[in-house]
């Protein structure tokens, strides 16, 4: 059986919805961050699927640059989360509602 474009897009939508649900319902900052990364990877999957089924490499090149930027984002984001955890002693969003030190 050959997987068509609809199959890839269905998986992409399910991953995006799962990541969105994680961002909306969770209180831990690290889990919210993982949900955001899952949403980004769902968008990358859709780009690669469209690129493959349109027989050009534009989407795949864009995904390459997106993953590169996401790697830098992960490094900066996790550093900020660790700094907030060390300063406040918690990673729960409701405890970090104010930006006062």
PDB file of N, CA and C in Angstrom:
ATOM      1  N   UNK A   1       0.839  -1.180   0.000  1.00  0.00           N
ATOM      2  CA  UNK A   1       0.000   0.000   0.000  1.00  0.00           C
ATOM      3  C   UNK A   1       0.888   1.250   0.000  1.00  0.00           C
ATOM      4  N   UNK A   2       0.523   2.196  -0.808  1.00  0.00           N
ATOM      5  CA  UNK A   2       1.284   3.430  -0.953  1.00  0.00           C
ATOM      6  C   UNK A   2       0.656   4.524  -0.097  1.00  0.00           C
ATOM      7  N   UNK A   3       1.466   5.182   0.690  1.00  0.00           N
ATOM      8  CA  UNK A   3       0.970   6.282   1.521  1.00  0.00           C
ATOM      9  C   UNK A   3       0.848   7.533   0.664  1.00  0.00           C
ATOM     10  N   UNK A   4      -0.340   8.095   0.620  1.00  0.00           N
ATOM     11  CA  UNK A   4      -0.582   9.282  -0.180  1.00  0.00           C
ATOM     12  C   UNK A   4      -0.398  10.552   0.624  1.00  0.00           C
ATOM     13  N   UNK A   5      -0.616  11.657  -0.042  1.00  0.00           N
ATOM     14  CA  UNK A   5      -0.478  12.966   0.592  1.00  0.00           C
ATOM     15  C   UNK A   5      -1.456  13.119   1.746  1.00  0.00           C
ATOM     16  N   UNK A   6      -2.652  12.591   1.600  1.00  0.00           N
ATOM     17  CA  UNK A   6      -3.648  12.703   2.672  1.00  0.00           C
ATOM     18  C   UNK A   6      -3.188  12.016   3.950  1.00  0.00           C
ATOM     19  N   UNK A   7      -2.477  10.907   3.823  1.00  0.00           N
ATOM     20  CA  UNK A   7      -1.973  10.205   4.998  1.00  0.00           C
ATOM     21  C   UNK A   7      -0.953  11.056   5.750  1.00  0.00           C
ATOM     22  N   UNK A   8      -0.029  11.643   5.016  1.00  0.00           N
ATOM     23  CA  UNK A   8       0.980  12.489   5.646  1.00  0.00           C
ATOM     24  C   UNK A   8       0.351  13.719   6.299  1.00  0.00           C
ATOM     25  N   UNK A   9      -0.601  14.319   5.609  1.00  0.00           N
ATOM     26  CA  UNK A   9      -1.242  15.501   6.166  1.00  0.00           C
ATOM     27  C   UNK A   9      -2.098  15.163   7.385  1.00  0.00           C
ATOM     28  N   UNK A  10      -2.689  13.981   7.389  1.00  0.00           N
ATOM     29  CA  UNK A  10      -3.460  13.556   8.555  1.00  0.00           C
ATOM     30  C   UNK A  10      -2.546  13.383   9.767  1.00  0.00           C
ATOM     31  N   UNK A  11      -1.406  12.753   9.566  1.00  0.00           N
ATOM     32  CA  UNK A  11      -0.450  12.600  10.664  1.00  0.00           C
ATOM     33  C   UNK A  11       0.053  13.963  11.119  1.00  0.00           C
ATOM     34  N   UNK A  12       0.295  14.854  10.176  1.00  0.00           N
ATOM     35  CA  UNK A  12       0.756  16.195  10.514  1.00  0.00           C
ATOM     36  C   UNK A  12      -0.281  16.954  11.335  1.00  0.00           C
ATOM     37  N   UNK A  13      -1.542  16.858  10.950  1.00  0.00           N
ATOM     38  CA  UNK A  13      -2.605  17.535  11.701  1.00  0.00           C
ATOM     39  C   UNK A  13      -2.755  16.933  13.094  1.00  0.00           C
ATOM     40  N   UNK A  14      -2.654  15.613  13.189  1.00  0.00           N
ATOM     41  CA  UNK A  14      -2.761  14.966  14.504  1.00  0.00           C
ATOM     42  C   UNK A  14      -1.605  15.372  15.411  1.00  0.00           C
ATOM     43  N   UNK A  15      -0.393  15.428  14.884  1.00  0.00           N
ATOM     44  CA  UNK A  15       0.748  15.876  15.675  1.00  0.00           C
ATOM     45  C   UNK A  15       0.594  17.328  16.104  1.00  0.00           C
ATOM     46  N   UNK A  16       0.113  18.170  15.190  1.00  0.00           N
ATOM     47  CA  UNK A  16      -0.077  19.570  15.522  1.00  0.00           C
ATOM     48  C   UNK A  16      -1.131  19.731  16.614  1.00  0.00           C
ATOM     49  N   UNK A  17      -2.226  18.989  16.504  1.00  0.00           N
ATOM     50  CA  UNK A  17      -3.285  19.067  17.520  1.00  0.00           C
ATOM     51  C   UNK A  17      -2.797  18.537  18.867  1.00  0.00           C
ATOM     52  N   UNK A  18      -1.996  17.482  18.847  1.00  0.00           N
ATOM     53  CA  UNK A  18      -1.440  16.951  20.083  1.00  0.00           C
ATOM     54  C   UNK A  18      -0.506  17.966  20.747  1.00  0.00           C
ATOM     55  N   UNK A  19       0.332  18.615  19.959  1.00  0.00           N
ATOM     56  CA  UNK A  19       1.201  19.659  20.493  1.00  0.00           C
ATOM     57  C   UNK A  19       0.413  20.845  21.012  1.00  0.00           C
ATOM     58  N   UNK A  20      -0.629  21.243  20.289  1.00  0.00           N
ATOM     59  CA  UNK A  20      -1.468  22.357  20.722  1.00  0.00           C
ATOM     60  C   UNK A  20      -2.190  22.022  22.018  1.00  0.00           C
ATOM     61  N   UNK A  21      -2.659  20.797  22.122  1.00  0.00           N
ATOM     62  CA  UNK A  21      -3.312  20.357  23.351  1.00  0.00           C
ATOM     63  C   UNK A  21      -2.331  20.384  24.515  1.00  0.00           C
ATOM     64  N   UNK A  22      -1.094  19.992  24.283  1.00  0.00           N
ATOM     65  CA  UNK A  22      -0.077  20.060  25.323  1.00  0.00           C
ATOM     66  C   UNK A  22       0.224  21.482  25.754  1.00  0.00           C
ATOM     67  N   UNK A  23       0.234  22.407  24.812  1.00  0.00           N
ATOM     68  CA  UNK A  23       0.489  23.807  25.149  1.00  0.00           C
ATOM     69  C   UNK A  23      -0.674  24.395  25.948  1.00  0.00           C
ATOM     70  N   UNK A  24      -1.887  24.050  25.565  1.00  0.00           N
ATOM     71  CA  UNK A  24      -3.069  24.619  26.217  1.00  0.00           C
ATOM     72  C   UNK A  24      -3.286  24.051  27.619  1.00  0.00           C
ATOM     73  N   UNK A  25      -3.106  22.746  27.800  1.00  0.00           N
ATOM     74  CA  UNK A  25      -3.529  22.106  29.041  1.00  0.00           C
ATOM     75  C   UNK A  25      -2.439  21.957  30.095  1.00  0.00           C
ATOM     76  N   UNK A  26      -1.197  22.006  29.737  1.00  0.00           N
ATOM     77  CA  UNK A  26      -0.137  21.738  30.709  1.00  0.00           C
ATOM     78  C   UNK A  26       0.293  22.986  31.456  1.00  0.00           C
ATOM     79  N   UNK A  27       0.823  22.779  32.657  1.00  0.00           N
ATOM     80  CA  UNK A  27       1.283  23.877  33.483  1.00  0.00           C
ATOM     81  C   UNK A  27       2.796  23.955  33.552  1.00  0.00           C
ATOM     82  N   UNK A  28       3.469  22.871  33.248  1.00  0.00           N
ATOM     83  CA  UNK A  28       4.919  22.847  33.326  1.00  0.00           C
ATOM     84  C   UNK A  28       5.515  23.483  32.069  1.00  0.00           C
ATOM     85  N   UNK A  29       6.465  24.367  32.263  1.00  0.00           N
ATOM     86  CA  UNK A  29       7.054  25.118  31.159  1.00  0.00           C
ATOM     87  C   UNK A  29       7.809  24.212  30.187  1.00  0.00           C
ATOM     88  N   UNK A  30       8.437  23.169  30.684  1.00  0.00           N
ATOM     89  CA  UNK A  30       9.185  22.256  29.813  1.00  0.00           C
ATOM     90  C   UNK A  30       8.221  21.473  28.919  1.00  0.00           C
ATOM     91  N   UNK A  31       7.095  21.039  29.466  1.00  0.00           N
ATOM     92  CA  UNK A  31       6.106  20.297  28.673  1.00  0.00           C
ATOM     93  C   UNK A  31       5.469  21.217  27.633  1.00  0.00           C
ATOM     94  N   UNK A  32       5.226  22.460  27.980  1.00  0.00           N
ATOM     95  CA  UNK A  32       4.708  23.426  27.009  1.00  0.00           C
ATOM     96  C   UNK A  32       5.711  23.625  25.878  1.00  0.00           C
ATOM     97  N   UNK A  33       6.972  23.696  26.219  1.00  0.00           N
ATOM     98  CA  UNK A  33       8.021  23.862  25.221  1.00  0.00           C
ATOM     99  C   UNK A  33       8.093  22.646  24.290  1.00  0.00           C
ATOM    100  N   UNK A  34       7.926  21.457  24.851  1.00  0.00           N
ATOM    101  CA  UNK A  34       7.910  20.253  24.014  1.00  0.00           C
ATOM    102  C   UNK A  34       6.694  20.254  23.093  1.00  0.00           C
ATOM    103  N   UNK A  35       5.559  20.762  23.562  1.00  0.00           N
ATOM    104  CA  UNK A  35       4.379  20.876  22.708  1.00  0.00           C
ATOM    105  C   UNK A  35       4.616  21.828  21.543  1.00  0.00           C
ATOM    106  N   UNK A  36       5.292  22.928  21.816  1.00  0.00           N
ATOM    107  CA  UNK A  36       5.622  23.871  20.739  1.00  0.00           C
ATOM    108  C   UNK A  36       6.548  23.233  19.702  1.00  0.00           C
ATOM    109  N   UNK A  37       7.507  22.468  20.157  1.00  0.00           N
ATOM    110  CA  UNK A  37       8.409  21.778  19.230  1.00  0.00           C
ATOM    111  C   UNK A  37       7.661  20.723  18.417  1.00  0.00           C
ATOM    112  N   UNK A  38       6.695  20.060  19.032  1.00  0.00           N
ATOM    113  CA  UNK A  38       5.885  19.085  18.309  1.00  0.00           C
ATOM    114  C   UNK A  38       5.063  19.767  17.217  1.00  0.00           C
ATOM    115  N   UNK A  39       4.541  20.956  17.509  1.00  0.00           N
ATOM    116  CA  UNK A  39       3.798  21.710  16.500  1.00  0.00           C
ATOM    117  C   UNK A  39       4.712  22.118  15.344  1.00  0.00           C
ATOM    118  N   UNK A  40       5.931  22.513  15.654  1.00  0.00           N
ATOM    119  CA  UNK A  40       6.887  22.890  14.613  1.00  0.00           C
ATOM    120  C   UNK A  40       7.236  21.690  13.738  1.00  0.00           C
ATOM    121  N   UNK A  41       7.417  20.526  14.350  1.00  0.00           N
ATOM    122  CA  UNK A  41       7.724  19.328  13.570  1.00  0.00           C
ATOM    123  C   UNK A  41       6.543  18.879  12.726  1.00  0.00           C
ATOM    124  N   UNK A  42       5.321  19.112  13.188  1.00  0.00           N
ATOM    125  CA  UNK A  42       4.142  18.802  12.377  1.00  0.00           C
ATOM    126  C   UNK A  42       4.111  19.681  11.125  1.00  0.00           C
ATOM    127  N   UNK A  43       4.448  20.949  11.285  1.00  0.00           N
ATOM    128  CA  UNK A  43       4.514  21.831  10.119  1.00  0.00           C
ATOM    129  C   UNK A  43       5.625  21.397   9.164  1.00  0.00           C
ATOM    130  N   UNK A  44       6.749  20.954   9.712  1.00  0.00           N
ATOM    131  CA  UNK A  44       7.841  20.449   8.861  1.00  0.00           C
ATOM    132  C   UNK A  44       7.417  19.213   8.092  1.00  0.00           C
ATOM    133  N   UNK A  45       6.680  18.319   8.737  1.00  0.00           N
ATOM    134  CA  UNK A  45       6.193  17.124   8.056  1.00  0.00           C
ATOM    135  C   UNK A  45       5.270  17.493   6.896  1.00  0.00           C
ATOM    136  N   UNK A  46       4.411  18.474   7.092  1.00  0.00           N
ATOM    137  CA  UNK A  46       3.527  18.911   6.009  1.00  0.00           C
ATOM    138  C   UNK A  46       4.335  19.520   4.857  1.00  0.00           C
ATOM    139  N   UNK A  47       5.355  20.300   5.186  1.00  0.00           N
ATOM    140  CA  UNK A  47       6.191  20.890   4.132  1.00  0.00           C
ATOM    141  C   UNK A  47       6.917  19.817   3.322  1.00  0.00           C
ATOM    142  N   UNK A  48       7.457  18.825   3.998  1.00  0.00           N
ATOM    143  CA  UNK A  48       8.155  17.748   3.290  1.00  0.00           C
ATOM    144  C   UNK A  48       7.176  16.946   2.439  1.00  0.00           C
ATOM    145  N   UNK A  49       5.979  16.702   2.953  1.00  0.00           N
ATOM    146  CA  UNK A  49       4.985  15.947   2.181  1.00  0.00           C
ATOM    147  C   UNK A  49       4.586  16.712   0.920  1.00  0.00           C
ATOM    148  N   UNK A  50       4.319  18.005   1.056  1.00  0.00           N
ATOM    149  CA  UNK A  50       3.972  18.796  -0.125  1.00  0.00           C
ATOM    150  C   UNK A  50       5.129  18.835  -1.115  1.00  0.00           C
ATOM    151  N   UNK A  51       6.343  18.950  -0.595  1.00  0.00           N
ATOM    152  CA  UNK A  51       7.511  18.995  -1.462  1.00  0.00           C
ATOM    153  C   UNK A  51       7.680  17.694  -2.238  1.00  0.00           C
ATOM    154  N   UNK A  52       7.475  16.580  -1.563  1.00  0.00           N
ATOM    155  CA  UNK A  52       7.638  15.287  -2.227  1.00  0.00           C
ATOM    156  C   UNK A  52       6.572  15.066  -3.288  1.00  0.00           C
ATOM    157  N   UNK A  53       5.338  15.421  -2.975  1.00  0.00           N
ATOM    158  CA  UNK A  53       4.266  15.151  -3.920  1.00  0.00           C
ATOM    159  C   UNK A  53       4.171  16.190  -5.033  1.00  0.00           C
ATOM    160  N   UNK A  54       4.863  17.312  -4.890  1.00  0.00           N
ATOM    161  CA  UNK A  54       4.952  18.280  -5.986  1.00  0.00           C
ATOM    162  C   UNK A  54       6.227  18.102  -6.792  1.00  0.00           C
ATOM    163  N   UNK A  55       7.065  17.159  -6.392  1.00  0.00           N
ATOM    164  CA  UNK A  55       8.310  16.802  -7.084  1.00  0.00           C
ATOM    165  C   UNK A  55       9.282  17.968  -7.203  1.00  0.00           C
ATOM    166  N   UNK A  56       9.406  18.759  -6.142  1.00  0.00           N
ATOM    167  CA  UNK A  56      10.450  19.777  -6.088  1.00  0.00           C
ATOM    168  C   UNK A  56      11.076  19.759  -4.695  1.00  0.00           C
ATOM    169  N   UNK A  57      12.213  20.391  -4.556  1.00  0.00           N
ATOM    170  CA  UNK A  57      12.948  20.359  -3.298  1.00  0.00           C
ATOM    171  C   UNK A  57      12.779  21.620  -2.465  1.00  0.00           C
ATOM    172  N   UNK A  58      11.926  22.541  -2.870  1.00  0.00           N
ATOM    173  CA  UNK A  58      11.797  23.809  -2.150  1.00  0.00           C
ATOM    174  C   UNK A  58      11.345  23.609  -0.709  1.00  0.00           C
ATOM    175  N   UNK A  59      10.364  22.759  -0.486  1.00  0.00           N
ATOM    176  CA  UNK A  59       9.882  22.506   0.863  1.00  0.00           C
ATOM    177  C   UNK A  59      10.916  21.824   1.731  1.00  0.00           C
ATOM    178  N   UNK A  60      11.675  20.920   1.145  1.00  0.00           N
ATOM    179  CA  UNK A  60      12.696  20.214   1.913  1.00  0.00           C
ATOM    180  C   UNK A  60      13.848  21.135   2.298  1.00  0.00           C
ATOM    181  N   UNK A  61      14.199  22.062   1.430  1.00  0.00           N
ATOM    182  CA  UNK A  61      15.234  23.043   1.761  1.00  0.00           C
ATOM    183  C   UNK A  61      14.730  23.957   2.876  1.00  0.00           C
ATOM    184  N   UNK A  62      13.472  24.338   2.808  1.00  0.00           N
ATOM    185  CA  UNK A  62      12.901  25.184   3.850  1.00  0.00           C
ATOM    186  C   UNK A  62      12.883  24.457   5.194  1.00  0.00           C
ATOM    187  N   UNK A  63      12.582  23.167   5.177  1.00  0.00           N
ATOM    188  CA  UNK A  63      12.596  22.368   6.401  1.00  0.00           C
ATOM    189  C   UNK A  63      14.006  22.292   6.966  1.00  0.00           C
ATOM    190  N   UNK A  64      14.997  22.178   6.113  1.00  0.00           N
ATOM    191  CA  UNK A  64      16.387  22.149   6.575  1.00  0.00           C
ATOM    192  C   UNK A  64      16.718  23.418   7.354  1.00  0.00           C
ATOM    193  N   UNK A  65      16.349  24.564   6.826  1.00  0.00           N
ATOM    194  CA  UNK A  65      16.612  25.822   7.522  1.00  0.00           C
ATOM    195  C   UNK A  65      15.744  25.962   8.776  1.00  0.00           C
ATOM    196  N   UNK A  66      14.528  25.461   8.731  1.00  0.00           N
ATOM    197  CA  UNK A  66      13.654  25.508   9.897  1.00  0.00           C
ATOM    198  C   UNK A  66      14.222  24.675  11.034  1.00  0.00           C
ATOM    199  N   UNK A  67      14.742  23.503  10.733  1.00  0.00           N
ATOM    200  CA  UNK A  67      15.340  22.655  11.764  1.00  0.00           C
ATOM    201  C   UNK A  67      16.597  23.305  12.328  1.00  0.00           C
ATOM    202  N   UNK A  68      17.364  23.982  11.492  1.00  0.00           N
ATOM    203  CA  UNK A  68      18.549  24.693  11.957  1.00  0.00           C
ATOM    204  C   UNK A  68      18.182  25.799  12.935  1.00  0.00           C
ATOM    205  N   UNK A  69      17.169  26.577  12.593  1.00  0.00           N
ATOM    206  CA  UNK A  69      16.715  27.642  13.483  1.00  0.00           C
ATOM    207  C   UNK A  69      16.097  27.055  14.747  1.00  0.00           C
ATOM    208  N   UNK A  70      15.385  25.941  14.628  1.00  0.00           N
ATOM    209  CA  UNK A  70      14.771  25.308  15.795  1.00  0.00           C
ATOM    210  C   UNK A  70      15.828  24.793  16.761  1.00  0.00           C
ATOM    211  N   UNK A  71      16.960  24.318  16.252  1.00  0.00           N
ATOM    212  CA  UNK A  71      18.032  23.863  17.136  1.00  0.00           C
ATOM    213  C   UNK A  71      18.584  25.014  17.964  1.00  0.00           C
ATOM    214  N   UNK A  72      18.756  26.162  17.331  1.00  0.00           N
ATOM    215  CA  UNK A  72      19.210  27.340  18.071  1.00  0.00           C
ATOM    216  C   UNK A  72      18.148  27.789  19.069  1.00  0.00           C
ATOM    217  N   UNK A  73      16.894  27.702  18.678  1.00  0.00           N
ATOM    218  CA  UNK A  73      15.793  28.074  19.567  1.00  0.00           C
ATOM    219  C   UNK A  73      15.751  27.169  20.791  1.00  0.00           C
ATOM    220  N   UNK A  74      15.975  25.885  20.593  1.00  0.00           N
ATOM    221  CA  UNK A  74      15.966  24.944  21.713  1.00  0.00           C
ATOM    222  C   UNK A  74      17.081  25.284  22.697  1.00  0.00           C
ATOM    223  N   UNK A  75      18.242  25.604  22.190  1.00  0.00           N
ATOM    224  CA  UNK A  75      19.361  25.941  23.074  1.00  0.00           C
ATOM    225  C   UNK A  75      19.052  27.181  23.905  1.00  0.00           C
ATOM    226  N   UNK A  76      18.542  28.211  23.269  1.00  0.00           N
ATOM    227  CA  UNK A  76      18.226  29.451  23.985  1.00  0.00           C
ATOM    228  C   UNK A  76      17.034  29.245  24.916  1.00  0.00           C
ATOM    229  N   UNK A  77      15.999  28.562  24.436  1.00  0.00           N
ATOM    230  CA  UNK A  77      14.801  28.346  25.247  1.00  0.00           C
ATOM    231  C   UNK A  77      15.070  27.516  26.482  1.00  0.00           C
ATOM    232  N   UNK A  78      15.822  26.437  26.341  1.00  0.00           N
ATOM    233  CA  UNK A  78      16.133  25.615  27.508  1.00  0.00           C
ATOM    234  C   UNK A  78      17.038  26.358  28.481  1.00  0.00           C
ATOM    235  N   UNK A  79      17.943  27.183  27.976  1.00  0.00           N
ATOM    236  CA  UNK A  79      18.777  27.992  28.867  1.00  0.00           C
ATOM    237  C   UNK A  79      17.918  28.964  29.668  1.00  0.00           C
ATOM    238  N   UNK A  80      16.927  29.567  29.035  1.00  0.00           N
ATOM    239  CA  UNK A  80      16.023  30.464  29.755  1.00  0.00           C
ATOM    240  C   UNK A  80      15.186  29.722  30.791  1.00  0.00           C
ATOM    241  N   UNK A  81      14.718  28.535  30.437  1.00  0.00           N
ATOM    242  CA  UNK A  81      13.920  27.750  31.380  1.00  0.00           C
ATOM    243  C   UNK A  81      14.766  27.343  32.587  1.00  0.00           C
ATOM    244  N   UNK A  82      16.005  26.925  32.356  1.00  0.00           N
ATOM    245  CA  UNK A  82      16.892  26.550  33.463  1.00  0.00           C
ATOM    246  C   UNK A  82      17.200  27.761  34.331  1.00  0.00           C
ATOM    247  N   UNK A  83      17.420  28.914  33.717  1.00  0.00           N
ATOM    248  CA  UNK A  83      17.686  30.131  34.495  1.00  0.00           C
ATOM    249  C   UNK A  83      16.472  30.516  35.340  1.00  0.00           C
ATOM    250  N   UNK A  84      15.273  30.417  34.770  1.00  0.00           N
ATOM    251  CA  UNK A  84      14.072  30.713  35.548  1.00  0.00           C
ATOM    252  C   UNK A  84      13.879  29.718  36.680  1.00  0.00           C
ATOM    253  N   UNK A  85      14.170  28.461  36.405  1.00  0.00           N
ATOM    254  CA  UNK A  85      14.022  27.452  37.451  1.00  0.00           C
ATOM    255  C   UNK A  85      15.009  27.694  38.596  1.00  0.00           C
ATOM    256  N   UNK A  86      16.232  28.060  38.263  1.00  0.00           N
ATOM    257  CA  UNK A  86      17.221  28.331  39.309  1.00  0.00           C
ATOM    258  C   UNK A  86      16.855  29.575  40.115  1.00  0.00           C
ATOM    259  N   UNK A  87      16.297  30.572  39.452  1.00  0.00           N
ATOM    260  CA  UNK A  87      15.951  31.819  40.140  1.00  0.00           C
ATOM    261  C   UNK A  87      14.698  31.664  40.997  1.00  0.00           C
ATOM    262  N   UNK A  88      13.671  31.025  40.450  1.00  0.00           N
ATOM    263  CA  UNK A  88      12.380  30.923  41.134  1.00  0.00           C
ATOM    264  C   UNK A  88      12.158  29.597  41.846  1.00  0.00           C
ATOM    265  N   UNK A  89      12.847  28.554  41.437  1.00  0.00           N
ATOM    266  CA  UNK A  89      12.673  27.254  42.063  1.00  0.00           C
ATOM    267  C   UNK A  89      11.463  26.482  41.572  1.00  0.00           C
ATOM    268  N   UNK A  90      10.863  26.931  40.476  1.00  0.00           N
ATOM    269  CA  UNK A  90       9.703  26.242  39.915  1.00  0.00           C
ATOM    270  C   UNK A  90       9.691  26.406  38.406  1.00  0.00           C
ATOM    271  N   UNK A  91       9.003  25.475  37.751  1.00  0.00           N
ATOM    272  CA  UNK A  91       8.851  25.563  36.297  1.00  0.00           C
ATOM    273  C   UNK A  91       7.379  25.616  35.915  1.00  0.00           C
ATOM    274  N   UNK A  92       6.514  25.930  36.877  1.00  0.00           N
ATOM    275  CA  UNK A  92       5.087  26.031  36.599  1.00  0.00           C
ATOM    276  C   UNK A  92       4.757  27.432  36.095  1.00  0.00           C
ATOM    277  N   UNK A  93       3.917  27.489  35.099  1.00  0.00           N
ATOM    278  CA  UNK A  93       3.630  28.746  34.421  1.00  0.00           C
ATOM    279  C   UNK A  93       2.920  29.741  35.330  1.00  0.00           C
ATOM    280  N   UNK A  94       1.982  29.277  36.141  1.00  0.00           N
ATOM    281  CA  UNK A  94       1.229  30.212  36.979  1.00  0.00           C
ATOM    282  C   UNK A  94       2.114  30.852  38.053  1.00  0.00           C
ATOM    283  N   UNK A  95       3.212  30.211  38.424  1.00  0.00           N
ATOM    284  CA  UNK A  95       4.135  30.805  39.370  1.00  0.00           C
ATOM    285  C   UNK A  95       5.074  31.809  38.708  1.00  0.00           C
ATOM    286  N   UNK A  96       5.155  31.774  37.395  1.00  0.00           N
ATOM    287  CA  UNK A  96       6.024  32.669  36.647  1.00  0.00           C
ATOM    288  C   UNK A  96       5.221  33.734  35.892  1.00  0.00           C
ATOM    289  N   UNK A  97       4.054  34.089  36.417  1.00  0.00           N
ATOM    290  CA  UNK A  97       3.167  35.023  35.707  1.00  0.00           C
ATOM    291  C   UNK A  97       3.740  36.429  35.661  1.00  0.00           C
ATOM    292  N   UNK A  98       4.478  36.829  36.654  1.00  0.00           N
ATOM    293  CA  UNK A  98       5.072  38.169  36.646  1.00  0.00           C
ATOM    294  C   UNK A  98       6.540  38.075  36.261  1.00  0.00           C
ATOM    295  N   UNK A  99       7.030  39.115  35.642  1.00  0.00           N
ATOM    296  CA  UNK A  99       8.418  39.128  35.221  1.00  0.00           C
ATOM    297  C   UNK A  99       9.322  39.866  36.213  1.00  0.00           C
ATOM    298  N   UNK A 100       8.774  40.206  37.374  1.00  0.00           N
ATOM    299  CA  UNK A 100       9.587  40.867  38.397  1.00  0.00           C
ATOM    300  C   UNK A 100      10.583  39.886  38.981  1.00  0.00           C
ATOM    301  N   UNK A 101      11.732  40.393  39.323  1.00  0.00           N
ATOM    302  CA  UNK A 101      12.751  39.567  39.977  1.00  0.00           C
ATOM    303  C   UNK A 101      12.503  39.640  41.426  1.00  0.00           C
TER     304      UNK A 101
END
